[in-house]
Amino acid sequence: RALHSVLSTKTLGSQDIRTGLAIHAKRIDTGSAWVVTNHPLGMYYDPP
């Protein structure tokens, strides 16, 4: 609720993001460390 008050429904592809952004998380069911960025050429940013 507190985060939503600032971030609302904005997505990683939002034009409101003014610079490069990287968010780090841990996907526990696969044991993989995730880093998600808003770079348009990233492999999973906008797949086919």
ModelCIF file with pLDDT and N, C-alpha, C, O atoms, coordinates in Angstrom:
data_MODEL
#
_entry.id   MODEL 
#
_entity.id                         1 
_entity.type                       polymer 
_entity.pdbx_number_of_molecules   1 
#
_entity_poly.entity_id                      1 
_entity_poly.type                           'polypeptide(L)' 
_entity_poly.nstd_linkage                   no 
_entity_poly.nstd_monomer                   no 
_entity_poly.pdbx_seq_one_letter_code       RALHSVLSTKTLGSQDIRTGLAIHAKRIDTGSAWVVTNHPLGMYYDPP 
_entity_poly.pdbx_seq_one_letter_code_can   RALHSVLSTKTLGSQDIRTGLAIHAKRIDTGSAWVVTNHPLGMYYDPP 
_entity_poly.pdbx_strand_id                 A 
#
loop_
_entity_poly_seq.entity_id 
_entity_poly_seq.num 
_entity_poly_seq.mon_id 
_entity_poly_seq.hetero 
1 1  ARG n 
1 2  ALA n 
1 3  LEU n 
1 4  HIS n 
1 5  SER n 
1 6  VAL n 
1 7  LEU n 
1 8  SER n 
1 9  THR n 
1 10 LYS n 
1 11 THR n 
1 12 LEU n 
1 13 GLY n 
1 14 SER n 
1 15 GLN n 
1 16 ASP n 
1 17 ILE n 
1 18 ARG n 
1 19 THR n 
1 20 GLY n 
1 21 LEU n 
1 22 ALA n 
1 23 ILE n 
1 24 HIS n 
1 25 ALA n 
1 26 LYS n 
1 27 ARG n 
1 28 ILE n 
1 29 ASP n 
1 30 THR n 
1 31 GLY n 
1 32 SER n 
1 33 ALA n 
1 34 TRP n 
1 35 VAL n 
1 36 VAL n 
1 37 THR n 
1 38 ASN n 
1 39 HIS n 
1 40 PRO n 
1 41 LEU n 
1 42 GLY n 
1 43 MET n 
1 44 TYR n 
1 45 TYR n 
1 46 ASP n 
1 47 PRO n 
1 48 PRO n 
#
_struct_asym.id          A 
_struct_asym.entity_id   1 
#
loop_
_ma_qa_metric.id 
_ma_qa_metric.mode 
_ma_qa_metric.name 
_ma_qa_metric.software_group_id 
_ma_qa_metric.type 
1 global pLDDT . pLDDT 
2 local  pLDDT . pLDDT 
#
_ma_qa_metric_global.metric_id      1 
_ma_qa_metric_global.metric_value   92.08 
_ma_qa_metric_global.model_id       1 
_ma_qa_metric_global.ordinal_id     1 
#
loop_
_ma_qa_metric_local.label_asym_id 
_ma_qa_metric_local.label_comp_id 
_ma_qa_metric_local.label_seq_id 
_ma_qa_metric_local.metric_id 
_ma_qa_metric_local.metric_value 
_ma_qa_metric_local.model_id 
_ma_qa_metric_local.ordinal_id 
A ARG 1  2 85.00 1 1  
A ALA 2  2 84.00 1 2  
A LEU 3  2 87.00 1 3  
A HIS 4  2 88.00 1 4  
A SER 5  2 87.00 1 5  
A VAL 6  2 89.00 1 6  
A LEU 7  2 92.00 1 7  
A SER 8  2 91.00 1 8  
A THR 9  2 94.00 1 9  
A LYS 10 2 96.00 1 10 
A THR 11 2 97.00 1 11 
A LEU 12 2 97.00 1 12 
A GLY 13 2 97.00 1 13 
A SER 14 2 97.00 1 14 
A GLN 15 2 96.00 1 15 
A ASP 16 2 97.00 1 16 
A ILE 17 2 98.00 1 17 
A ARG 18 2 98.00 1 18 
A THR 19 2 98.00 1 19 
A GLY 20 2 98.00 1 20 
A LEU 21 2 98.00 1 21 
A ALA 22 2 98.00 1 22 
A ILE 23 2 95.00 1 23 
A HIS 24 2 93.00 1 24 
A ALA 25 2 89.00 1 25 
A LYS 26 2 84.00 1 26 
A ARG 27 2 85.00 1 27 
A ILE 28 2 84.00 1 28 
A ASP 29 2 85.00 1 29 
A THR 30 2 86.00 1 30 
A GLY 31 2 84.00 1 31 
A SER 32 2 86.00 1 32 
A ALA 33 2 87.00 1 33 
A TRP 34 2 87.00 1 34 
A VAL 35 2 93.00 1 35 
A VAL 36 2 95.00 1 36 
A THR 37 2 97.00 1 37 
A ASN 38 2 98.00 1 38 
A HIS 39 2 98.00 1 39 
A PRO 40 2 96.00 1 40 
A LEU 41 2 96.00 1 41 
A GLY 42 2 95.00 1 42 
A MET 43 2 93.00 1 43 
A TYR 44 2 91.00 1 44 
A TYR 45 2 95.00 1 45 
A ASP 46 2 92.00 1 46 
A PRO 47 2 89.00 1 47 
A PRO 48 2 85.00 1 48 
#
loop_
_atom_site.group_PDB 
_atom_site.id 
_atom_site.type_symbol 
_atom_site.label_atom_id 
_atom_site.label_alt_id 
_atom_site.label_comp_id 
_atom_site.label_asym_id 
_atom_site.label_entity_id 
_atom_site.label_seq_id 
_atom_site.pdbx_PDB_ins_code 
_atom_site.Cartn_x 
_atom_site.Cartn_y 
_atom_site.Cartn_z 
_atom_site.occupancy 
_atom_site.B_iso_or_equiv 
_atom_site.pdbx_formal_charge 
_atom_site.auth_seq_id 
_atom_site.auth_comp_id 
_atom_site.auth_asym_id 
_atom_site.auth_atom_id 
_atom_site.pdbx_PDB_model_num 
ATOM 1   N N  . ARG A 1 1  ? 0.825  -1.205  0.000   1.00 85.00 ? 1  ARG A N  1 
ATOM 2   C CA . ARG A 1 1  ? 0.000  0.000   0.000   1.00 85.00 ? 1  ARG A CA 1 
ATOM 3   C C  . ARG A 1 1  ? 0.868  1.267   0.000   1.00 85.00 ? 1  ARG A C  1 
ATOM 4   O O  . ARG A 1 1  ? 0.582  2.229   -0.713  1.00 85.00 ? 1  ARG A O  1 
ATOM 5   N N  . ALA A 1 2  ? 1.925  1.248   0.810   1.00 84.00 ? 2  ALA A N  1 
ATOM 6   C CA . ALA A 1 2  ? 2.806  2.416   0.868   1.00 84.00 ? 2  ALA A CA 1 
ATOM 7   C C  . ALA A 1 2  ? 3.531  2.627   -0.461  1.00 84.00 ? 2  ALA A C  1 
ATOM 8   O O  . ALA A 1 2  ? 3.677  3.763   -0.913  1.00 84.00 ? 2  ALA A O  1 
ATOM 9   N N  . LEU A 1 3  ? 3.986  1.539   -1.087  1.00 87.00 ? 3  LEU A N  1 
ATOM 10  C CA . LEU A 1 3  ? 4.671  1.657   -2.371  1.00 87.00 ? 3  LEU A CA 1 
ATOM 11  C C  . LEU A 1 3  ? 3.721  2.111   -3.468  1.00 87.00 ? 3  LEU A C  1 
ATOM 12  O O  . LEU A 1 3  ? 4.081  2.925   -4.318  1.00 87.00 ? 3  LEU A O  1 
ATOM 13  N N  . HIS A 1 4  ? 2.509  1.579   -3.442  1.00 88.00 ? 4  HIS A N  1 
ATOM 14  C CA . HIS A 1 4  ? 1.526  1.944   -4.464  1.00 88.00 ? 4  HIS A CA 1 
ATOM 15  C C  . HIS A 1 4  ? 1.210  3.435   -4.430  1.00 88.00 ? 4  HIS A C  1 
ATOM 16  O O  . HIS A 1 4  ? 0.888  4.029   -5.459  1.00 88.00 ? 4  HIS A O  1 
ATOM 17  N N  . SER A 1 5  ? 1.303  4.039   -3.246  1.00 87.00 ? 5  SER A N  1 
ATOM 18  C CA . SER A 1 5  ? 1.010  5.465   -3.134  1.00 87.00 ? 5  SER A CA 1 
ATOM 19  C C  . SER A 1 5  ? 2.004  6.305   -3.931  1.00 87.00 ? 5  SER A C  1 
ATOM 20  O O  . SER A 1 5  ? 1.716  7.448   -4.286  1.00 87.00 ? 5  SER A O  1 
ATOM 21  N N  . VAL A 1 6  ? 3.176  5.732   -4.210  1.00 89.00 ? 6  VAL A N  1 
ATOM 22  C CA . VAL A 1 6  ? 4.204  6.445   -4.976  1.00 89.00 ? 6  VAL A CA 1 
ATOM 23  C C  . VAL A 1 6  ? 4.322  5.901   -6.399  1.00 89.00 ? 6  VAL A C  1 
ATOM 24  O O  . VAL A 1 6  ? 4.444  6.666   -7.355  1.00 89.00 ? 6  VAL A O  1 
ATOM 25  N N  . LEU A 1 7  ? 4.284  4.581   -6.529  1.00 92.00 ? 7  LEU A N  1 
ATOM 26  C CA . LEU A 1 7  ? 4.532  3.951   -7.833  1.00 92.00 ? 7  LEU A CA 1 
ATOM 27  C C  . LEU A 1 7  ? 3.266  3.745   -8.646  1.00 92.00 ? 7  LEU A C  1 
ATOM 28  O O  . LEU A 1 7  ? 3.339  3.589   -9.865  1.00 92.00 ? 7  LEU A O  1 
ATOM 29  N N  . SER A 1 8  ? 2.113  3.739   -8.003  1.00 91.00 ? 8  SER A N  1 
ATOM 30  C CA . SER A 1 8  ? 0.821  3.557   -8.661  1.00 91.00 ? 8  SER A CA 1 
ATOM 31  C C  . SER A 1 8  ? 0.860  2.286   -9.515  1.00 91.00 ? 8  SER A C  1 
ATOM 32  O O  . SER A 1 8  ? 1.323  1.244   -9.051  1.00 91.00 ? 8  SER A O  1 
ATOM 33  N N  . THR A 1 9  ? 0.379  2.365   -10.753 1.00 94.00 ? 9  THR A N  1 
ATOM 34  C CA . THR A 1 9  ? 0.367  1.189   -11.633 1.00 94.00 ? 9  THR A CA 1 
ATOM 35  C C  . THR A 1 9  ? 1.473  1.257   -12.680 1.00 94.00 ? 9  THR A C  1 
ATOM 36  O O  . THR A 1 9  ? 1.413  0.553   -13.688 1.00 94.00 ? 9  THR A O  1 
ATOM 37  N N  . LYS A 1 10 ? 2.466  2.086   -12.456 1.00 96.00 ? 10 LYS A N  1 
ATOM 38  C CA . LYS A 1 10 ? 3.566  2.227   -13.422 1.00 96.00 ? 10 LYS A CA 1 
ATOM 39  C C  . LYS A 1 10 ? 4.290  0.896   -13.602 1.00 96.00 ? 10 LYS A C  1 
ATOM 40  O O  . LYS A 1 10 ? 4.419  0.111   -12.664 1.00 96.00 ? 10 LYS A O  1 
ATOM 41  N N  . THR A 1 11 ? 4.754  0.661   -14.817 1.00 97.00 ? 11 THR A N  1 
ATOM 42  C CA . THR A 1 11 ? 5.476  -0.564  -15.150 1.00 97.00 ? 11 THR A CA 1 
ATOM 43  C C  . THR A 1 11 ? 6.942  -0.247  -15.429 1.00 97.00 ? 11 THR A C  1 
ATOM 44  O O  . THR A 1 11 ? 7.346  0.914   -15.486 1.00 97.00 ? 11 THR A O  1 
ATOM 45  N N  . LEU A 1 12 ? 7.730  -1.315  -15.604 1.00 97.00 ? 12 LEU A N  1 
ATOM 46  C CA . LEU A 1 12 ? 9.147  -1.137  -15.902 1.00 97.00 ? 12 LEU A CA 1 
ATOM 47  C C  . LEU A 1 12 ? 9.345  -0.442  -17.250 1.00 97.00 ? 12 LEU A C  1 
ATOM 48  O O  . LEU A 1 12 ? 10.393 0.154   -17.496 1.00 97.00 ? 12 LEU A O  1 
ATOM 49  N N  . GLY A 1 13 ? 8.346  -0.519  -18.111 1.00 97.00 ? 13 GLY A N  1 
ATOM 50  C CA . GLY A 1 13 ? 8.439  0.148   -19.405 1.00 97.00 ? 13 GLY A CA 1 
ATOM 51  C C  . GLY A 1 13 ? 7.857  1.546   -19.409 1.00 97.00 ? 13 GLY A C  1 
ATOM 52  O O  . GLY A 1 13 ? 7.722  2.153   -20.472 1.00 97.00 ? 13 GLY A O  1 
ATOM 53  N N  . SER A 1 14 ? 7.509  2.068   -18.250 1.00 97.00 ? 14 SER A N  1 
ATOM 54  C CA . SER A 1 14 ? 6.884  3.384   -18.170 1.00 97.00 ? 14 SER A CA 1 
ATOM 55  C C  . SER A 1 14 ? 7.811  4.481   -18.678 1.00 97.00 ? 14 SER A C  1 
ATOM 56  O O  . SER A 1 14 ? 9.010  4.478   -18.397 1.00 97.00 ? 14 SER A O  1 
ATOM 57  N N  . GLN A 1 15 ? 7.242  5.411   -19.426 1.00 96.00 ? 15 GLN A N  1 
ATOM 58  C CA . GLN A 1 15 ? 8.009  6.555   -19.900 1.00 96.00 ? 15 GLN A CA 1 
ATOM 59  C C  . GLN A 1 15 ? 8.330  7.532   -18.781 1.00 96.00 ? 15 GLN A C  1 
ATOM 60  O O  . GLN A 1 15 ? 9.088  8.480   -18.987 1.00 96.00 ? 15 GLN A O  1 
ATOM 61  N N  . ASP A 1 16 ? 7.763  7.313   -17.596 1.00 97.00 ? 16 ASP A N  1 
ATOM 62  C CA . ASP A 1 16 ? 8.075  8.163   -16.448 1.00 97.00 ? 16 ASP A CA 1 
ATOM 63  C C  . ASP A 1 16 ? 9.440  7.847   -15.849 1.00 97.00 ? 16 ASP A C  1 
ATOM 64  O O  . ASP A 1 16 ? 9.974  8.642   -15.076 1.00 97.00 ? 16 ASP A O  1 
ATOM 65  N N  . ILE A 1 17 ? 10.013 6.691   -16.197 1.00 98.00 ? 17 ILE A N  1 
ATOM 66  C CA . ILE A 1 17 ? 11.346 6.349   -15.697 1.00 98.00 ? 17 ILE A CA 1 
ATOM 67  C C  . ILE A 1 17 ? 12.366 7.141   -16.500 1.00 98.00 ? 17 ILE A C  1 
ATOM 68  O O  . ILE A 1 17 ? 12.435 7.022   -17.724 1.00 98.00 ? 17 ILE A O  1 
ATOM 69  N N  . ARG A 1 18 ? 13.155 7.950   -15.806 1.00 98.00 ? 18 ARG A N  1 
ATOM 70  C CA . ARG A 1 18 ? 13.990 8.935   -16.472 1.00 98.00 ? 18 ARG A CA 1 
ATOM 71  C C  . ARG A 1 18 ? 15.401 8.465   -16.773 1.00 98.00 ? 18 ARG A C  1 
ATOM 72  O O  . ARG A 1 18 ? 16.126 9.129   -17.514 1.00 98.00 ? 18 ARG A O  1 
ATOM 73  N N  . THR A 1 19 ? 15.806 7.330   -16.213 1.00 98.00 ? 19 THR A N  1 
ATOM 74  C CA . THR A 1 19 ? 17.173 6.840   -16.423 1.00 98.00 ? 19 THR A CA 1 
ATOM 75  C C  . THR A 1 19 ? 17.184 5.334   -16.319 1.00 98.00 ? 19 THR A C  1 
ATOM 76  O O  . THR A 1 19 ? 16.140 4.717   -16.104 1.00 98.00 ? 19 THR A O  1 
ATOM 77  N N  . GLY A 1 20 ? 18.358 4.727   -16.469 1.00 98.00 ? 20 GLY A N  1 
ATOM 78  C CA . GLY A 1 20 ? 18.461 3.285   -16.339 1.00 98.00 ? 20 GLY A CA 1 
ATOM 79  C C  . GLY A 1 20 ? 18.122 2.825   -14.931 1.00 98.00 ? 20 GLY A C  1 
ATOM 80  O O  . GLY A 1 20 ? 18.513 3.460   -13.952 1.00 98.00 ? 20 GLY A O  1 
ATOM 81  N N  . LEU A 1 21 ? 17.390 1.712   -14.833 1.00 98.00 ? 21 LEU A N  1 
ATOM 82  C CA . LEU A 1 21 ? 16.949 1.183   -13.540 1.00 98.00 ? 21 LEU A CA 1 
ATOM 83  C C  . LEU A 1 21 ? 17.215 -0.316  -13.488 1.00 98.00 ? 21 LEU A C  1 
ATOM 84  O O  . LEU A 1 21 ? 16.911 -1.037  -14.438 1.00 98.00 ? 21 LEU A O  1 
ATOM 85  N N  . ALA A 1 22 ? 17.783 -0.787  -12.375 1.00 98.00 ? 22 ALA A N  1 
ATOM 86  C CA . ALA A 1 22 ? 18.020 -2.220  -12.176 1.00 98.00 ? 22 ALA A CA 1 
ATOM 87  C C  . ALA A 1 22 ? 17.522 -2.622  -10.787 1.00 98.00 ? 22 ALA A C  1 
ATOM 88  O O  . ALA A 1 22 ? 17.891 -2.013  -9.782  1.00 98.00 ? 22 ALA A O  1 
ATOM 89  N N  . ILE A 1 23 ? 16.680 -3.653  -10.748 1.00 95.00 ? 23 ILE A N  1 
ATOM 90  C CA . ILE A 1 23 ? 16.105 -4.148  -9.496  1.00 95.00 ? 23 ILE A CA 1 
ATOM 91  C C  . ILE A 1 23 ? 16.555 -5.594  -9.294  1.00 95.00 ? 23 ILE A C  1 
ATOM 92  O O  . ILE A 1 23 ? 16.427 -6.424  -10.194 1.00 95.00 ? 23 ILE A O  1 
ATOM 93  N N  . HIS A 1 24 ? 17.080 -5.884  -8.110  1.00 93.00 ? 24 HIS A N  1 
ATOM 94  C CA . HIS A 1 24 ? 17.621 -7.209  -7.807  1.00 93.00 ? 24 HIS A CA 1 
ATOM 95  C C  . HIS A 1 24 ? 16.681 -7.977  -6.886  1.00 93.00 ? 24 HIS A C  1 
ATOM 96  O O  . HIS A 1 24 ? 16.217 -7.445  -5.877  1.00 93.00 ? 24 HIS A O  1 
ATOM 97  N N  . ALA A 1 25 ? 16.404 -9.227  -7.238  1.00 89.00 ? 25 ALA A N  1 
ATOM 98  C CA . ALA A 1 25 ? 15.541 -10.082 -6.426  1.00 89.00 ? 25 ALA A CA 1 
ATOM 99  C C  . ALA A 1 25 ? 16.054 -11.510 -6.486  1.00 89.00 ? 25 ALA A C  1 
ATOM 100 O O  . ALA A 1 25 ? 16.943 -11.819 -7.280  1.00 89.00 ? 25 ALA A O  1 
ATOM 101 N N  . LYS A 1 26 ? 15.503 -12.379 -5.657  1.00 84.00 ? 26 LYS A N  1 
ATOM 102 C CA . LYS A 1 26 ? 15.894 -13.785 -5.626  1.00 84.00 ? 26 LYS A CA 1 
ATOM 103 C C  . LYS A 1 26 ? 14.674 -14.644 -5.898  1.00 84.00 ? 26 LYS A C  1 
ATOM 104 O O  . LYS A 1 26 ? 13.716 -14.623 -5.126  1.00 84.00 ? 26 LYS A O  1 
ATOM 105 N N  . ARG A 1 27 ? 14.698 -15.402 -6.993  1.00 85.00 ? 27 ARG A N  1 
ATOM 106 C CA . ARG A 1 27 ? 13.612 -16.322 -7.299  1.00 85.00 ? 27 ARG A CA 1 
ATOM 107 C C  . ARG A 1 27 ? 13.894 -17.641 -6.589  1.00 85.00 ? 27 ARG A C  1 
ATOM 108 O O  . ARG A 1 27 ? 14.744 -18.423 -7.015  1.00 85.00 ? 27 ARG A O  1 
ATOM 109 N N  . ILE A 1 28 ? 13.177 -17.870 -5.513  1.00 84.00 ? 28 ILE A N  1 
ATOM 110 C CA . ILE A 1 28 ? 13.517 -18.966 -4.615  1.00 84.00 ? 28 ILE A CA 1 
ATOM 111 C C  . ILE A 1 28 ? 13.132 -20.324 -5.183  1.00 84.00 ? 28 ILE A C  1 
ATOM 112 O O  . ILE A 1 28 ? 13.758 -21.325 -4.834  1.00 84.00 ? 28 ILE A O  1 
ATOM 113 N N  . ASP A 1 29 ? 12.107 -20.394 -6.063  1.00 85.00 ? 29 ASP A N  1 
ATOM 114 C CA . ASP A 1 29 ? 11.691 -21.702 -6.588  1.00 85.00 ? 29 ASP A CA 1 
ATOM 115 C C  . ASP A 1 29 ? 12.676 -22.256 -7.609  1.00 85.00 ? 29 ASP A C  1 
ATOM 116 O O  . ASP A 1 29 ? 12.705 -23.467 -7.833  1.00 85.00 ? 29 ASP A O  1 
ATOM 117 N N  . THR A 1 30 ? 13.476 -21.412 -8.228  1.00 86.00 ? 30 THR A N  1 
ATOM 118 C CA . THR A 1 30 ? 14.500 -21.884 -9.167  1.00 86.00 ? 30 THR A CA 1 
ATOM 119 C C  . THR A 1 30 ? 15.909 -21.667 -8.628  1.00 86.00 ? 30 THR A C  1 
ATOM 120 O O  . THR A 1 30 ? 16.882 -22.149 -9.209  1.00 86.00 ? 30 THR A O  1 
ATOM 121 N N  . GLY A 1 31 ? 16.017 -20.942 -7.516  1.00 84.00 ? 31 GLY A N  1 
ATOM 122 C CA . GLY A 1 31 ? 17.329 -20.688 -6.927  1.00 84.00 ? 31 GLY A CA 1 
ATOM 123 C C  . GLY A 1 31 ? 18.154 -19.673 -7.688  1.00 84.00 ? 31 GLY A C  1 
ATOM 124 O O  . GLY A 1 31 ? 19.367 -19.601 -7.495  1.00 84.00 ? 31 GLY A O  1 
ATOM 125 N N  . SER A 1 32 ? 17.523 -18.882 -8.553  1.00 86.00 ? 32 SER A N  1 
ATOM 126 C CA . SER A 1 32 ? 18.269 -17.945 -9.395  1.00 86.00 ? 32 SER A CA 1 
ATOM 127 C C  . SER A 1 32 ? 18.152 -16.520 -8.881  1.00 86.00 ? 32 SER A C  1 
ATOM 128 O O  . SER A 1 32 ? 17.101 -16.099 -8.398  1.00 86.00 ? 32 SER A O  1 
ATOM 129 N N  . ALA A 1 33 ? 19.255 -15.783 -8.993  1.00 87.00 ? 33 ALA A N  1 
ATOM 130 C CA . ALA A 1 33 ? 19.261 -14.361 -8.658  1.00 87.00 ? 33 ALA A CA 1 
ATOM 131 C C  . ALA A 1 33 ? 18.842 -13.580 -9.897  1.00 87.00 ? 33 ALA A C  1 
ATOM 132 O O  . ALA A 1 33 ? 19.451 -13.719 -10.958 1.00 87.00 ? 33 ALA A O  1 
ATOM 133 N N  . TRP A 1 34 ? 17.823 -12.775 -9.765  1.00 87.00 ? 34 TRP A N  1 
ATOM 134 C CA . TRP A 1 34 ? 17.301 -11.990 -10.882 1.00 87.00 ? 34 TRP A CA 1 
ATOM 135 C C  . TRP A 1 34 ? 17.788 -10.546 -10.792 1.00 87.00 ? 34 TRP A C  1 
ATOM 136 O O  . TRP A 1 34 ? 17.825 -9.954  -9.714  1.00 87.00 ? 34 TRP A O  1 
ATOM 137 N N  . VAL A 1 35 ? 18.154 -10.000 -11.932 1.00 93.00 ? 35 VAL A N  1 
ATOM 138 C CA . VAL A 1 35 ? 18.335 -8.558  -12.055 1.00 93.00 ? 35 VAL A CA 1 
ATOM 139 C C  . VAL A 1 35 ? 17.493 -8.123  -13.256 1.00 93.00 ? 35 VAL A C  1 
ATOM 140 O O  . VAL A 1 35 ? 17.722 -8.568  -14.381 1.00 93.00 ? 35 VAL A O  1 
ATOM 141 N N  . VAL A 1 36 ? 16.531 -7.261  -13.004 1.00 95.00 ? 36 VAL A N  1 
ATOM 142 C CA . VAL A 1 36 ? 15.580 -6.825  -14.026 1.00 95.00 ? 36 VAL A CA 1 
ATOM 143 C C  . VAL A 1 36 ? 15.872 -5.364  -14.349 1.00 95.00 ? 36 VAL A C  1 
ATOM 144 O O  . VAL A 1 36 ? 15.910 -4.521  -13.453 1.00 95.00 ? 36 VAL A O  1 
ATOM 145 N N  . THR A 1 37 ? 16.078 -5.065  -15.629 1.00 97.00 ? 37 THR A N  1 
ATOM 146 C CA . THR A 1 37 ? 16.404 -3.698  -16.021 1.00 97.00 ? 37 THR A CA 1 
ATOM 147 C C  . THR A 1 37 ? 15.408 -3.186  -17.058 1.00 97.00 ? 37 THR A C  1 
ATOM 148 O O  . THR A 1 37 ? 14.646 -3.951  -17.648 1.00 97.00 ? 37 THR A O  1 
ATOM 149 N N  . ASN A 1 38 ? 15.436 -1.873  -17.261 1.00 98.00 ? 38 ASN A N  1 
ATOM 150 C CA . ASN A 1 38 ? 14.571 -1.247  -18.266 1.00 98.00 ? 38 ASN A CA 1 
ATOM 151 C C  . ASN A 1 38 ? 15.317 -0.982  -19.564 1.00 98.00 ? 38 ASN A C  1 
ATOM 152 O O  . ASN A 1 38 ? 14.904 -0.137  -20.357 1.00 98.00 ? 38 ASN A O  1 
ATOM 153 N N  . HIS A 1 39 ? 16.428 -1.710  -19.788 1.00 98.00 ? 39 HIS A N  1 
ATOM 154 C CA . HIS A 1 39 ? 17.127 -1.534  -21.061 1.00 98.00 ? 39 HIS A CA 1 
ATOM 155 C C  . HIS A 1 39 ? 16.303 -2.172  -22.177 1.00 98.00 ? 39 HIS A C  1 
ATOM 156 O O  . HIS A 1 39 ? 16.005 -3.365  -22.108 1.00 98.00 ? 39 HIS A O  1 
ATOM 157 N N  . PRO A 1 40 ? 15.929 -1.409  -23.202 1.00 96.00 ? 40 PRO A N  1 
ATOM 158 C CA . PRO A 1 40 ? 15.037 -1.930  -24.251 1.00 96.00 ? 40 PRO A CA 1 
ATOM 159 C C  . PRO A 1 40 ? 15.605 -3.110  -25.028 1.00 96.00 ? 40 PRO A C  1 
ATOM 160 O O  . PRO A 1 40 ? 14.846 -3.871  -25.630 1.00 96.00 ? 40 PRO A O  1 
ATOM 161 N N  . LEU A 1 41 ? 16.933 -3.279  -25.027 1.00 96.00 ? 41 LEU A N  1 
ATOM 162 C CA . LEU A 1 41 ? 17.546 -4.372  -25.786 1.00 96.00 ? 41 LEU A CA 1 
ATOM 163 C C  . LEU A 1 41 ? 17.765 -5.618  -24.933 1.00 96.00 ? 41 LEU A C  1 
ATOM 164 O O  . LEU A 1 41 ? 18.256 -6.629  -25.433 1.00 96.00 ? 41 LEU A O  1 
ATOM 165 N N  . GLY A 1 42 ? 17.406 -5.556  -23.651 1.00 95.00 ? 42 GLY A N  1 
ATOM 166 C CA . GLY A 1 42 ? 17.570 -6.720  -22.785 1.00 95.00 ? 42 GLY A CA 1 
ATOM 167 C C  . GLY A 1 42 ? 16.779 -7.917  -23.281 1.00 95.00 ? 42 GLY A C  1 
ATOM 168 O O  . GLY A 1 42 ? 15.718 -7.752  -23.883 1.00 95.00 ? 42 GLY A O  1 
ATOM 169 N N  . MET A 1 43 ? 17.281 -9.119  -23.034 1.00 93.00 ? 43 MET A N  1 
ATOM 170 C CA . MET A 1 43 ? 16.687 -10.338 -23.587 1.00 93.00 ? 43 MET A CA 1 
ATOM 171 C C  . MET A 1 43 ? 15.213 -10.497 -23.250 1.00 93.00 ? 43 MET A C  1 
ATOM 172 O O  . MET A 1 43 ? 14.427 -10.909 -24.103 1.00 93.00 ? 43 MET A O  1 
ATOM 173 N N  . TYR A 1 44 ? 14.825 -10.177 -22.017 1.00 91.00 ? 44 TYR A N  1 
ATOM 174 C CA . TYR A 1 44 ? 13.452 -10.414 -21.591 1.00 91.00 ? 44 TYR A CA 1 
ATOM 175 C C  . TYR A 1 44 ? 12.625 -9.133  -21.467 1.00 91.00 ? 44 TYR A C  1 
ATOM 176 O O  . TYR A 1 44 ? 11.483 -9.167  -21.011 1.00 91.00 ? 44 TYR A O  1 
ATOM 177 N N  . TYR A 1 45 ? 13.207 -8.011  -21.873 1.00 95.00 ? 45 TYR A N  1 
ATOM 178 C CA . TYR A 1 45 ? 12.472 -6.755  -21.741 1.00 95.00 ? 45 TYR A CA 1 
ATOM 179 C C  . TYR A 1 45 ? 11.224 -6.748  -22.611 1.00 95.00 ? 45 TYR A C  1 
ATOM 180 O O  . TYR A 1 45 ? 10.147 -6.364  -22.156 1.00 95.00 ? 45 TYR A O  1 
ATOM 181 N N  . ASP A 1 46 ? 11.370 -7.175  -23.867 1.00 92.00 ? 46 ASP A N  1 
ATOM 182 C CA . ASP A 1 46 ? 10.237 -7.201  -24.797 1.00 92.00 ? 46 ASP A CA 1 
ATOM 183 C C  . ASP A 1 46 ? 10.420 -8.355  -25.773 1.00 92.00 ? 46 ASP A C  1 
ATOM 184 O O  . ASP A 1 46 ? 10.726 -8.131  -26.944 1.00 92.00 ? 46 ASP A O  1 
ATOM 185 N N  . PRO A 1 47 ? 10.234 -9.600  -25.300 1.00 89.00 ? 47 PRO A N  1 
ATOM 186 C CA . PRO A 1 47 ? 10.462 -10.767 -26.161 1.00 89.00 ? 47 PRO A CA 1 
ATOM 187 C C  . PRO A 1 47 ? 9.479  -10.806 -27.326 1.00 89.00 ? 47 PRO A C  1 
ATOM 188 O O  . PRO A 1 47 ? 8.469  -10.103 -27.306 1.00 89.00 ? 47 PRO A O  1 
ATOM 189 N N  . PRO A 1 48 ? 9.766  -11.626 -28.347 1.00 85.00 ? 48 PRO A N  1 
ATOM 190 C CA . PRO A 1 48 ? 8.883  -11.711 -29.521 1.00 85.00 ? 48 PRO A CA 1 
ATOM 191 C C  . PRO A 1 48 ? 7.443  -12.037 -29.143 1.00 85.00 ? 48 PRO A C  1 
ATOM 192 O O  . PRO A 1 48 ? 6.584  -12.142 -30.019 1.00 85.00 ? 48 PRO A O  1 
#
